[in-house]
N, C-alpha and C. Protein backbone atom coordinates (compact mmCIF):
# COMPACT_ATOMS: atom_id res chain seq x y z
N MET A 1 11.52 -1.59 19.58
CA MET A 1 10.08 -1.51 19.74
C MET A 1 9.41 -2.85 19.43
N ILE A 2 9.75 -3.45 18.33
CA ILE A 2 9.11 -4.71 17.94
C ILE A 2 9.47 -5.81 18.93
N SER A 3 10.73 -5.92 19.28
CA SER A 3 11.17 -6.97 20.20
C SER A 3 10.60 -6.77 21.60
N ASP A 4 10.29 -5.53 21.98
CA ASP A 4 9.71 -5.27 23.29
C ASP A 4 8.29 -5.81 23.41
N GLN A 5 7.58 -5.90 22.28
CA GLN A 5 6.17 -6.28 22.30
C GLN A 5 5.89 -7.66 21.69
N THR A 6 6.91 -8.32 21.18
CA THR A 6 6.72 -9.59 20.48
C THR A 6 7.84 -10.57 20.84
N CYS A 7 7.79 -11.73 20.25
CA CYS A 7 8.86 -12.72 20.42
C CYS A 7 9.89 -12.61 19.30
N ILE A 8 9.79 -11.57 18.48
CA ILE A 8 10.71 -11.37 17.36
C ILE A 8 11.98 -10.72 17.88
N LEU A 9 13.11 -11.32 17.56
CA LEU A 9 14.41 -10.78 17.99
C LEU A 9 15.23 -10.43 16.76
N PHE A 10 15.93 -9.33 16.83
CA PHE A 10 16.82 -8.90 15.76
C PHE A 10 18.25 -8.93 16.29
N HIS A 11 19.18 -9.24 15.42
CA HIS A 11 20.58 -9.15 15.81
C HIS A 11 21.37 -8.62 14.62
N GLU A 12 22.54 -8.11 14.91
CA GLU A 12 23.37 -7.55 13.85
C GLU A 12 23.84 -8.66 12.91
N TYR A 13 23.87 -8.34 11.64
CA TYR A 13 24.30 -9.28 10.60
C TYR A 13 25.73 -9.73 10.85
N THR A 14 25.96 -11.04 10.70
CA THR A 14 27.34 -11.55 10.75
C THR A 14 27.66 -12.18 9.40
N ASN A 15 27.18 -13.39 9.17
CA ASN A 15 27.44 -14.02 7.87
C ASN A 15 26.24 -14.84 7.39
N GLU A 16 25.04 -14.48 7.82
CA GLU A 16 23.84 -15.21 7.43
C GLU A 16 23.59 -15.10 5.93
N ILE A 17 23.01 -16.12 5.36
CA ILE A 17 22.67 -16.11 3.93
C ILE A 17 21.46 -15.20 3.69
N ASN A 18 20.49 -15.25 4.58
CA ASN A 18 19.27 -14.46 4.46
C ASN A 18 19.26 -13.39 5.54
N TYR A 19 19.04 -12.15 5.13
CA TYR A 19 19.04 -11.05 6.09
C TYR A 19 18.35 -9.83 5.49
N ILE A 20 18.00 -8.89 6.36
CA ILE A 20 17.40 -7.63 5.91
C ILE A 20 18.51 -6.60 5.84
N ASN A 21 18.65 -6.00 4.68
CA ASN A 21 19.67 -4.98 4.44
C ASN A 21 18.98 -3.62 4.42
N ILE A 22 19.20 -2.82 5.46
CA ILE A 22 18.57 -1.50 5.55
C ILE A 22 19.43 -0.52 4.76
N ILE A 23 18.81 0.07 3.75
CA ILE A 23 19.51 0.94 2.81
C ILE A 23 19.08 2.38 3.01
N SER A 24 20.03 3.26 3.20
CA SER A 24 19.76 4.69 3.30
C SER A 24 19.46 5.23 1.90
N GLY A 25 18.53 6.11 1.82
CA GLY A 25 18.18 6.68 0.52
C GLY A 25 16.89 7.45 0.60
N THR A 26 16.08 7.37 -0.43
CA THR A 26 14.81 8.07 -0.43
C THR A 26 13.67 7.09 -0.20
N GLY A 27 12.65 7.55 0.49
CA GLY A 27 11.47 6.73 0.71
C GLY A 27 11.63 5.71 1.81
N CYS A 28 10.50 5.10 2.16
CA CYS A 28 10.43 4.04 3.15
C CYS A 28 9.70 2.89 2.50
N ALA A 29 10.37 1.76 2.29
CA ALA A 29 9.73 0.67 1.56
C ALA A 29 10.42 -0.66 1.84
N SER A 30 9.64 -1.73 1.70
CA SER A 30 10.15 -3.09 1.79
C SER A 30 9.20 -4.00 1.04
N TYR A 31 9.70 -5.08 0.50
CA TYR A 31 8.84 -6.13 -0.03
C TYR A 31 8.13 -6.79 1.15
N VAL A 32 6.98 -7.39 0.90
CA VAL A 32 6.26 -8.11 1.94
C VAL A 32 6.69 -9.57 1.91
N GLY A 33 7.21 -10.04 3.03
CA GLY A 33 7.57 -11.44 3.16
C GLY A 33 8.99 -11.76 2.75
N PHE A 34 9.36 -12.99 3.00
CA PHE A 34 10.71 -13.50 2.76
C PHE A 34 11.04 -13.45 1.27
N GLN A 35 12.17 -12.84 0.94
CA GLN A 35 12.63 -12.75 -0.44
C GLN A 35 13.86 -13.62 -0.68
N GLY A 36 14.59 -13.92 0.36
CA GLY A 36 15.81 -14.72 0.23
C GLY A 36 17.02 -13.86 -0.06
N GLY A 37 18.14 -14.22 0.52
CA GLY A 37 19.36 -13.44 0.33
C GLY A 37 19.29 -12.12 1.07
N ALA A 38 19.90 -11.11 0.48
CA ALA A 38 19.87 -9.77 1.07
C ALA A 38 18.54 -9.11 0.70
N GLN A 39 17.67 -8.98 1.66
CA GLN A 39 16.36 -8.36 1.43
C GLN A 39 16.45 -6.87 1.74
N SER A 40 16.23 -6.06 0.73
CA SER A 40 16.38 -4.61 0.88
C SER A 40 15.19 -3.99 1.59
N LEU A 41 15.49 -3.12 2.54
CA LEU A 41 14.50 -2.29 3.20
C LEU A 41 15.03 -0.87 3.07
N TYR A 42 14.25 -0.01 2.43
CA TYR A 42 14.69 1.36 2.16
C TYR A 42 14.23 2.29 3.27
N PHE A 43 15.18 3.04 3.82
CA PHE A 43 14.92 3.91 4.96
C PHE A 43 15.54 5.28 4.67
N GLY A 44 14.70 6.19 4.17
CA GLY A 44 15.19 7.51 3.78
C GLY A 44 15.18 8.51 4.92
N ARG A 45 15.69 9.70 4.64
CA ARG A 45 15.79 10.75 5.65
C ARG A 45 14.44 11.18 6.21
N ALA A 46 13.40 11.11 5.40
CA ALA A 46 12.07 11.53 5.85
C ALA A 46 11.38 10.47 6.70
N CYS A 47 11.97 9.29 6.80
CA CYS A 47 11.36 8.19 7.56
C CYS A 47 11.65 8.36 9.05
N ASN A 48 10.74 7.82 9.86
CA ASN A 48 10.94 7.86 11.30
C ASN A 48 10.93 6.42 11.85
N VAL A 49 11.03 6.29 13.15
CA VAL A 49 11.08 4.97 13.77
C VAL A 49 9.80 4.18 13.48
N GLY A 50 8.66 4.86 13.48
CA GLY A 50 7.40 4.19 13.15
C GLY A 50 7.41 3.63 11.74
N ASN A 51 7.95 4.41 10.79
CA ASN A 51 8.07 3.92 9.41
C ASN A 51 8.97 2.69 9.35
N LEU A 52 10.07 2.73 10.08
CA LEU A 52 11.00 1.60 10.08
C LEU A 52 10.32 0.34 10.63
N CYS A 53 9.60 0.47 11.73
CA CYS A 53 8.87 -0.68 12.29
C CYS A 53 7.85 -1.20 11.29
N HIS A 54 7.13 -0.30 10.64
CA HIS A 54 6.13 -0.67 9.63
C HIS A 54 6.78 -1.50 8.52
N GLU A 55 7.90 -1.03 8.00
CA GLU A 55 8.57 -1.73 6.90
C GLU A 55 9.21 -3.04 7.37
N LEU A 56 9.72 -3.07 8.59
CA LEU A 56 10.25 -4.33 9.13
C LEU A 56 9.14 -5.38 9.23
N MET A 57 7.96 -4.97 9.64
CA MET A 57 6.85 -5.91 9.72
C MET A 57 6.44 -6.40 8.34
N HIS A 58 6.52 -5.53 7.32
CA HIS A 58 6.29 -5.99 5.95
C HIS A 58 7.34 -7.04 5.57
N ALA A 59 8.59 -6.77 5.87
CA ALA A 59 9.67 -7.71 5.54
C ALA A 59 9.44 -9.06 6.22
N LEU A 60 8.82 -9.03 7.40
CA LEU A 60 8.52 -10.26 8.13
C LEU A 60 7.27 -10.96 7.63
N GLY A 61 6.56 -10.33 6.69
CA GLY A 61 5.41 -11.00 6.07
C GLY A 61 4.05 -10.46 6.42
N LEU A 62 3.97 -9.40 7.20
CA LEU A 62 2.67 -8.87 7.57
C LEU A 62 2.18 -7.86 6.54
N HIS A 63 0.90 -8.00 6.18
CA HIS A 63 0.24 -7.08 5.25
C HIS A 63 -0.54 -6.05 6.05
N HIS A 64 -1.02 -5.02 5.36
CA HIS A 64 -1.86 -4.02 5.99
C HIS A 64 -3.17 -4.65 6.44
N GLU A 65 -3.66 -4.23 7.59
CA GLU A 65 -4.92 -4.75 8.12
C GLU A 65 -6.09 -4.52 7.17
N HIS A 66 -6.08 -3.41 6.44
CA HIS A 66 -7.22 -3.10 5.57
C HIS A 66 -7.23 -3.92 4.28
N THR A 67 -6.31 -4.89 4.15
CA THR A 67 -6.33 -5.78 2.99
C THR A 67 -6.82 -7.18 3.36
N ARG A 68 -7.22 -7.36 4.62
CA ARG A 68 -7.73 -8.66 5.06
C ARG A 68 -9.01 -9.01 4.32
N PRO A 69 -9.27 -10.30 4.09
CA PRO A 69 -10.49 -10.72 3.40
C PRO A 69 -11.77 -10.30 4.11
N ASP A 70 -11.73 -10.15 5.44
CA ASP A 70 -12.93 -9.78 6.19
C ASP A 70 -13.02 -8.29 6.50
N ARG A 71 -12.19 -7.48 5.88
CA ARG A 71 -12.12 -6.06 6.23
C ARG A 71 -13.44 -5.34 6.05
N ASP A 72 -14.26 -5.71 5.06
CA ASP A 72 -15.51 -4.99 4.81
C ASP A 72 -16.52 -5.16 5.94
N GLN A 73 -16.29 -6.12 6.81
CA GLN A 73 -17.14 -6.29 7.99
C GLN A 73 -16.83 -5.25 9.05
N TYR A 74 -15.66 -4.60 8.94
CA TYR A 74 -15.20 -3.71 9.99
C TYR A 74 -14.94 -2.28 9.53
N VAL A 75 -14.59 -2.10 8.27
CA VAL A 75 -14.29 -0.76 7.75
C VAL A 75 -14.91 -0.57 6.38
N THR A 76 -15.08 0.67 6.01
CA THR A 76 -15.55 1.02 4.67
C THR A 76 -14.48 1.90 4.03
N ILE A 77 -13.95 1.47 2.91
CA ILE A 77 -12.96 2.27 2.19
C ILE A 77 -13.69 3.39 1.47
N GLN A 78 -13.28 4.61 1.71
CA GLN A 78 -13.85 5.77 1.02
C GLN A 78 -13.03 5.96 -0.26
N TRP A 79 -13.43 5.26 -1.31
CA TRP A 79 -12.66 5.21 -2.55
C TRP A 79 -12.42 6.59 -3.15
N ASP A 80 -13.35 7.52 -2.95
CA ASP A 80 -13.17 8.88 -3.48
C ASP A 80 -12.03 9.61 -2.79
N ASN A 81 -11.63 9.16 -1.61
CA ASN A 81 -10.56 9.80 -0.85
C ASN A 81 -9.19 9.17 -1.08
N VAL A 82 -9.15 8.07 -1.82
CA VAL A 82 -7.88 7.39 -2.08
C VAL A 82 -7.11 8.17 -3.14
N VAL A 83 -5.84 8.41 -2.88
CA VAL A 83 -4.98 9.14 -3.81
C VAL A 83 -4.96 8.42 -5.15
N PRO A 84 -5.18 9.16 -6.25
CA PRO A 84 -5.15 8.52 -7.58
C PRO A 84 -3.86 7.71 -7.78
N GLY A 85 -4.02 6.51 -8.30
CA GLY A 85 -2.88 5.64 -8.54
C GLY A 85 -2.55 4.72 -7.38
N TYR A 86 -3.25 4.88 -6.25
CA TYR A 86 -2.97 4.07 -5.07
C TYR A 86 -4.12 3.17 -4.66
N SER A 87 -5.13 3.03 -5.49
CA SER A 87 -6.27 2.19 -5.12
C SER A 87 -5.85 0.73 -4.93
N HIS A 88 -4.81 0.28 -5.64
CA HIS A 88 -4.34 -1.10 -5.47
C HIS A 88 -3.85 -1.38 -4.05
N GLN A 89 -3.47 -0.33 -3.32
CA GLN A 89 -3.01 -0.50 -1.94
C GLN A 89 -4.16 -0.90 -1.01
N HIS A 90 -5.39 -0.82 -1.52
CA HIS A 90 -6.57 -1.11 -0.70
C HIS A 90 -7.32 -2.34 -1.18
N ASN A 91 -6.74 -3.08 -2.11
CA ASN A 91 -7.37 -4.31 -2.59
C ASN A 91 -7.35 -5.37 -1.50
N ILE A 92 -8.42 -6.15 -1.43
CA ILE A 92 -8.47 -7.27 -0.49
C ILE A 92 -7.56 -8.38 -1.01
N LEU A 93 -6.75 -8.93 -0.12
CA LEU A 93 -5.85 -10.03 -0.48
C LEU A 93 -6.50 -11.33 -0.04
N ASN A 94 -7.19 -11.97 -0.96
CA ASN A 94 -7.94 -13.19 -0.63
C ASN A 94 -7.06 -14.35 -0.21
N HIS A 95 -5.79 -14.35 -0.61
CA HIS A 95 -4.92 -15.46 -0.22
C HIS A 95 -4.62 -15.46 1.28
N LEU A 96 -5.02 -14.42 1.99
CA LEU A 96 -4.80 -14.38 3.43
C LEU A 96 -5.91 -15.07 4.21
N THR A 97 -6.92 -15.57 3.52
CA THR A 97 -8.07 -16.19 4.18
C THR A 97 -7.64 -17.24 5.19
N GLY A 98 -8.11 -17.08 6.41
CA GLY A 98 -7.88 -18.07 7.45
C GLY A 98 -6.50 -18.07 8.05
N ILE A 99 -5.64 -17.19 7.65
CA ILE A 99 -4.30 -17.18 8.22
C ILE A 99 -4.28 -16.17 9.36
N THR A 100 -4.39 -16.69 10.57
CA THR A 100 -4.40 -15.83 11.74
C THR A 100 -3.52 -16.42 12.81
N CYS A 101 -3.30 -15.68 13.84
CA CYS A 101 -2.39 -16.10 14.90
C CYS A 101 -2.77 -17.45 15.49
N GLY A 102 -4.04 -17.65 15.75
CA GLY A 102 -4.48 -18.88 16.41
C GLY A 102 -4.60 -20.09 15.51
N SER A 103 -4.47 -19.92 14.21
CA SER A 103 -4.70 -21.04 13.30
C SER A 103 -3.53 -22.00 13.21
N GLY A 104 -2.34 -21.55 13.57
CA GLY A 104 -1.16 -22.37 13.41
C GLY A 104 -0.67 -22.40 11.98
N ALA A 105 -1.39 -21.72 11.08
CA ALA A 105 -1.03 -21.74 9.66
C ALA A 105 0.04 -20.73 9.31
N GLY A 106 0.25 -19.75 10.15
CA GLY A 106 1.24 -18.73 9.86
C GLY A 106 0.94 -17.47 10.61
N LEU A 107 1.82 -16.49 10.49
CA LEU A 107 1.63 -15.22 11.17
C LEU A 107 1.54 -14.13 10.13
N VAL A 108 0.34 -13.86 9.67
CA VAL A 108 0.17 -12.82 8.66
C VAL A 108 -0.71 -11.71 9.18
N ASN A 109 -1.88 -12.02 9.67
CA ASN A 109 -2.81 -11.03 10.19
C ASN A 109 -3.54 -11.60 11.39
N LEU A 110 -4.07 -10.72 12.21
CA LEU A 110 -4.86 -11.14 13.35
C LEU A 110 -6.32 -10.83 13.09
N SER A 111 -7.19 -11.77 13.43
CA SER A 111 -8.62 -11.49 13.33
C SER A 111 -9.03 -10.73 14.58
N PRO A 112 -10.15 -9.97 14.53
CA PRO A 112 -10.58 -9.23 15.72
C PRO A 112 -10.80 -10.12 16.93
N GLU A 113 -11.17 -11.37 16.72
CA GLU A 113 -11.39 -12.29 17.82
C GLU A 113 -10.09 -12.71 18.49
N GLU A 114 -8.97 -12.47 17.84
CA GLU A 114 -7.69 -12.95 18.37
C GLU A 114 -6.76 -11.81 18.74
N LEU A 115 -7.33 -10.72 19.22
CA LEU A 115 -6.50 -9.56 19.54
C LEU A 115 -5.53 -9.83 20.68
N GLN A 116 -5.76 -10.88 21.46
CA GLN A 116 -4.84 -11.21 22.52
C GLN A 116 -3.57 -11.87 21.99
N CYS A 117 -3.58 -12.30 20.74
CA CYS A 117 -2.40 -12.93 20.15
C CYS A 117 -1.31 -11.89 19.94
N ARG A 118 -0.10 -12.29 20.12
CA ARG A 118 1.03 -11.39 19.87
C ARG A 118 1.84 -11.96 18.73
N ILE A 119 2.24 -11.08 17.85
CA ILE A 119 3.09 -11.49 16.73
C ILE A 119 4.52 -11.22 17.12
């Protein structure tokens, strides 16, 4: 799915130093961004292909759209509806400022003006 819509290509591990290690178990999770070495991505029985793509994009360095510095211009977080203990998942990540597809600075998030960009 990801390779069909982007320039990102995946191949089976051979002997690379840095790679994503998909681990069967419980839950669907990955660290965001390059960790170095064997980067664990957890893919449990309850996960589906959409979850796997979501976690792979996290491993590649993409954050949730609702954490962009400009998110309040486009959405309103209904804090009363956020599951207790998960409000941190909706914090704005100010270090993402200005990092968009067209900036040449990196591939983290797309601004609404750059929706034609492909990651």
